[in-house]
Amino acid sequence: MDKRVILFFLIPMFLFGGDLDDRKNSALKEADKYFQKKNWLKLLETAKNLSSWGEKEALKKVLDQAILLVMAKESEAGAYQLSTLYFKNGDLKNSLYWEKTAERIALKKKKNWKKS
């Protein structure tokens, strides 16, 4: 085989060959750090990574933290991102709930804007 072909097959193994438990644990530590800083955007990025790795239990923990922050800040974008994450994981009930929540937040912001 050509050396370039061998190198092509080995690069992904070196880049993504880390132990999954180590990646999951480091992602959960990062999520706790982001939760302390009240950074819902980074929490949702971490949730997306956990979703792509197939870590359902860890994903649920991170999503629970993200839900608290999104609702506290009344973020329309955060609600839409939660809806997308739930949809990608096959949870249609929660996906529809968060889509309706995002619409409700947008309507509330629109009403507040008209009043002022």
C-alpha atoms as a PDB file:
ATOM      1  CA  MET A   1       0.000   0.000   0.000  1.00  0.00           C
ATOM      2  CA  ASP A   2       1.008   3.516  -0.609  1.00  0.00           C
ATOM      3  CA  LYS A   3       2.319   5.415   2.433  1.00  0.00           C
ATOM      4  CA  ARG A   4      -0.201   8.197   1.868  1.00  0.00           C
ATOM      5  CA  VAL A   5      -3.089   5.735   2.106  1.00  0.00           C
ATOM      6  CA  ILE A   6      -1.773   4.288   5.369  1.00  0.00           C
ATOM      7  CA  LEU A   7      -1.321   7.774   6.774  1.00  0.00           C
ATOM      8  CA  PHE A   8      -4.865   8.671   5.709  1.00  0.00           C
ATOM      9  CA  PHE A   9      -6.244   5.754   7.738  1.00  0.00           C
ATOM     10  CA  LEU A  10      -4.098   6.419  10.807  1.00  0.00           C
ATOM     11  CA  ILE A  11      -4.786  10.149  11.204  1.00  0.00           C
ATOM     12  CA  PRO A  12      -8.408   9.753  12.389  1.00  0.00           C
ATOM     13  CA  MET A  13      -7.295   7.080  14.838  1.00  0.00           C
ATOM     14  CA  PHE A  14      -4.788   9.463  16.436  1.00  0.00           C
ATOM     15  CA  LEU A  15      -7.188  12.399  16.455  1.00  0.00           C
ATOM     16  CA  PHE A  16     -10.236  10.584  17.795  1.00  0.00           C
ATOM     17  CA  GLY A  17      -8.646   7.592  19.451  1.00  0.00           C
ATOM     18  CA  GLY A  18      -8.952   8.871  23.024  1.00  0.00           C
ATOM     19  CA  ASP A  19     -10.782   6.807  25.562  1.00  0.00           C
ATOM     20  CA  LEU A  20     -14.484   7.599  25.463  1.00  0.00           C
ATOM     21  CA  ASP A  21     -14.809   7.604  29.253  1.00  0.00           C
ATOM     22  CA  ASP A  22     -12.033  10.187  29.526  1.00  0.00           C
ATOM     23  CA  ARG A  23     -13.732  12.379  26.940  1.00  0.00           C
ATOM     24  CA  LYS A  24     -17.077  11.998  28.688  1.00  0.00           C
ATOM     25  CA  ASN A  25     -15.621  12.850  32.092  1.00  0.00           C
ATOM     26  CA  SER A  26     -13.771  15.880  30.767  1.00  0.00           C
ATOM     27  CA  ALA A  27     -16.937  17.031  28.977  1.00  0.00           C
ATOM     28  CA  LEU A  28     -18.928  16.739  32.209  1.00  0.00           C
ATOM     29  CA  LYS A  29     -16.282  18.720  34.098  1.00  0.00           C
ATOM     30  CA  GLU A  30     -16.397  21.409  31.420  1.00  0.00           C
ATOM     31  CA  ALA A  31     -20.189  21.430  31.616  1.00  0.00           C
ATOM     32  CA  ASP A  32     -20.053  22.024  35.368  1.00  0.00           C
ATOM     33  CA  LYS A  33     -17.617  24.876  34.780  1.00  0.00           C
ATOM     34  CA  TYR A  34     -19.893  26.423  32.160  1.00  0.00           C
ATOM     35  CA  PHE A  35     -22.896  26.018  34.456  1.00  0.00           C
ATOM     36  CA  GLN A  36     -21.076  27.894  37.216  1.00  0.00           C
ATOM     37  CA  LYS A  37     -20.306  30.678  34.728  1.00  0.00           C
ATOM     38  CA  LYS A  38     -23.937  30.609  33.495  1.00  0.00           C
ATOM     39  CA  ASN A  39     -22.840  30.057  29.897  1.00  0.00           C
ATOM     40  CA  TRP A  40     -25.737  28.191  28.284  1.00  0.00           C
ATOM     41  CA  LEU A  41     -24.213  28.372  24.806  1.00  0.00           C
ATOM     42  CA  LYS A  42     -21.127  26.364  25.791  1.00  0.00           C
ATOM     43  CA  LEU A  43     -23.339  23.929  27.709  1.00  0.00           C
ATOM     44  CA  LEU A  44     -25.306  23.247  24.545  1.00  0.00           C
ATOM     45  CA  GLU A  45     -22.073  22.764  22.576  1.00  0.00           C
ATOM     46  CA  THR A  46     -20.988  20.195  25.155  1.00  0.00           C
ATOM     47  CA  ALA A  47     -24.397  18.525  24.884  1.00  0.00           C
ATOM     48  CA  LYS A  48     -23.991  18.333  21.110  1.00  0.00           C
ATOM     49  CA  ASN A  49     -20.625  16.595  21.541  1.00  0.00           C
ATOM     50  CA  LEU A  50     -22.069  14.118  24.028  1.00  0.00           C
ATOM     51  CA  SER A  51     -24.934  13.436  21.646  1.00  0.00           C
ATOM     52  CA  SER A  52     -22.549  12.659  18.803  1.00  0.00           C
ATOM     53  CA  TRP A  53     -20.606  10.287  21.087  1.00  0.00           C
ATOM     54  CA  GLY A  54     -23.803   8.450  22.053  1.00  0.00           C
ATOM     55  CA  GLU A  55     -23.606   9.232  25.782  1.00  0.00           C
ATOM     56  CA  LYS A  56     -27.298   9.372  26.718  1.00  0.00           C
ATOM     57  CA  GLU A  57     -26.948   9.591  30.523  1.00  0.00           C
ATOM     58  CA  ALA A  58     -24.303  12.312  30.431  1.00  0.00           C
ATOM     59  CA  LEU A  59     -26.316  14.150  27.785  1.00  0.00           C
ATOM     60  CA  LYS A  60     -29.360  14.167  30.057  1.00  0.00           C
ATOM     61  CA  LYS A  61     -27.320  15.702  32.901  1.00  0.00           C
ATOM     62  CA  VAL A  62     -25.941  18.452  30.683  1.00  0.00           C
ATOM     63  CA  LEU A  63     -29.334  19.172  29.137  1.00  0.00           C
ATOM     64  CA  ASP A  64     -30.883  19.497  32.604  1.00  0.00           C
ATOM     65  CA  GLN A  65     -28.283  22.129  33.459  1.00  0.00           C
ATOM     66  CA  ALA A  66     -28.778  23.912  30.136  1.00  0.00           C
ATOM     67  CA  ILE A  67     -32.559  23.983  30.605  1.00  0.00           C
ATOM     68  CA  LEU A  68     -32.170  25.827  33.888  1.00  0.00           C
ATOM     69  CA  LEU A  69     -29.994  28.507  32.302  1.00  0.00           C
ATOM     70  CA  VAL A  70     -32.080  28.888  29.147  1.00  0.00           C
ATOM     71  CA  MET A  71     -35.255  29.367  31.168  1.00  0.00           C
ATOM     72  CA  ALA A  72     -33.587  31.758  33.625  1.00  0.00           C
ATOM     73  CA  LYS A  73     -32.354  33.966  30.779  1.00  0.00           C
ATOM     74  CA  GLU A  74     -35.514  33.460  28.692  1.00  0.00           C
ATOM     75  CA  SER A  75     -33.428  32.777  25.618  1.00  0.00           C
ATOM     76  CA  GLU A  76     -35.350  32.140  22.425  1.00  0.00           C
ATOM     77  CA  ALA A  77     -32.224  30.887  20.636  1.00  0.00           C
ATOM     78  CA  GLY A  78     -31.422  28.530  23.513  1.00  0.00           C
ATOM     79  CA  ALA A  79     -34.920  27.061  23.383  1.00  0.00           C
ATOM     80  CA  TYR A  80     -34.601  26.460  19.643  1.00  0.00           C
ATOM     81  CA  GLN A  81     -31.222  24.770  20.159  1.00  0.00           C
ATOM     82  CA  LEU A  82     -32.687  22.543  22.869  1.00  0.00           C
ATOM     83  CA  SER A  83     -35.485  21.639  20.466  1.00  0.00           C
ATOM     84  CA  THR A  84     -32.941  20.688  17.815  1.00  0.00           C
ATOM     85  CA  LEU A  85     -30.904  18.565  20.223  1.00  0.00           C
ATOM     86  CA  TYR A  86     -33.978  16.688  21.392  1.00  0.00           C
ATOM     87  CA  PHE A  87     -35.096  16.166  17.790  1.00  0.00           C
ATOM     88  CA  LYS A  88     -31.702  14.748  16.787  1.00  0.00           C
ATOM     89  CA  ASN A  89     -31.885  12.304  19.699  1.00  0.00           C
ATOM     90  CA  GLY A  90     -35.361  11.126  18.714  1.00  0.00           C
ATOM     91  CA  ASP A  91     -37.318  12.748  21.554  1.00  0.00           C
ATOM     92  CA  LEU A  92     -40.102  14.385  19.549  1.00  0.00           C
ATOM     93  CA  LYS A  93     -42.252  15.268  22.552  1.00  0.00           C
ATOM     94  CA  ASN A  94     -39.543  17.416  24.167  1.00  0.00           C
ATOM     95  CA  SER A  95     -38.539  18.790  20.776  1.00  0.00           C
ATOM     96  CA  LEU A  96     -42.044  20.123  20.161  1.00  0.00           C
ATOM     97  CA  TYR A  97     -42.240  21.436  23.720  1.00  0.00           C
ATOM     98  CA  TRP A  98     -39.059  23.486  23.325  1.00  0.00           C
ATOM     99  CA  GLU A  99     -40.118  24.746  19.916  1.00  0.00           C
ATOM    100  CA  LYS A 100     -43.399  26.005  21.410  1.00  0.00           C
ATOM    101  CA  THR A 101     -41.471  27.478  24.348  1.00  0.00           C
ATOM    102  CA  ALA A 102     -39.222  29.391  21.945  1.00  0.00           C
ATOM    103  CA  GLU A 103     -42.267  30.762  20.152  1.00  0.00           C
ATOM    104  CA  ARG A 104     -43.806  31.777  23.485  1.00  0.00           C
ATOM    105  CA  ILE A 105     -40.595  33.569  24.537  1.00  0.00           C
ATOM    106  CA  ALA A 106     -40.444  35.380  21.185  1.00  0.00           C
ATOM    107  CA  LEU A 107     -44.062  36.487  21.534  1.00  0.00           C
ATOM    108  CA  LYS A 108     -43.440  37.711  25.072  1.00  0.00           C
ATOM    109  CA  LYS A 109     -40.381  39.720  23.959  1.00  0.00           C
ATOM    110  CA  LYS A 110     -42.362  41.187  21.073  1.00  0.00           C
ATOM    111  CA  LYS A 111     -45.131  42.320  23.436  1.00  0.00           C
ATOM    112  CA  ASN A 112     -42.610  43.869  25.832  1.00  0.00           C
ATOM    113  CA  TRP A 113     -40.953  45.706  22.958  1.00  0.00           C
ATOM    114  CA  LYS A 114     -44.268  47.161  21.778  1.00  0.00           C
ATOM    115  CA  LYS A 115     -45.102  48.431  25.281  1.00  0.00           C
ATOM    116  CA  SER A 116     -41.924  50.489  25.609  1.00  0.00           C
END
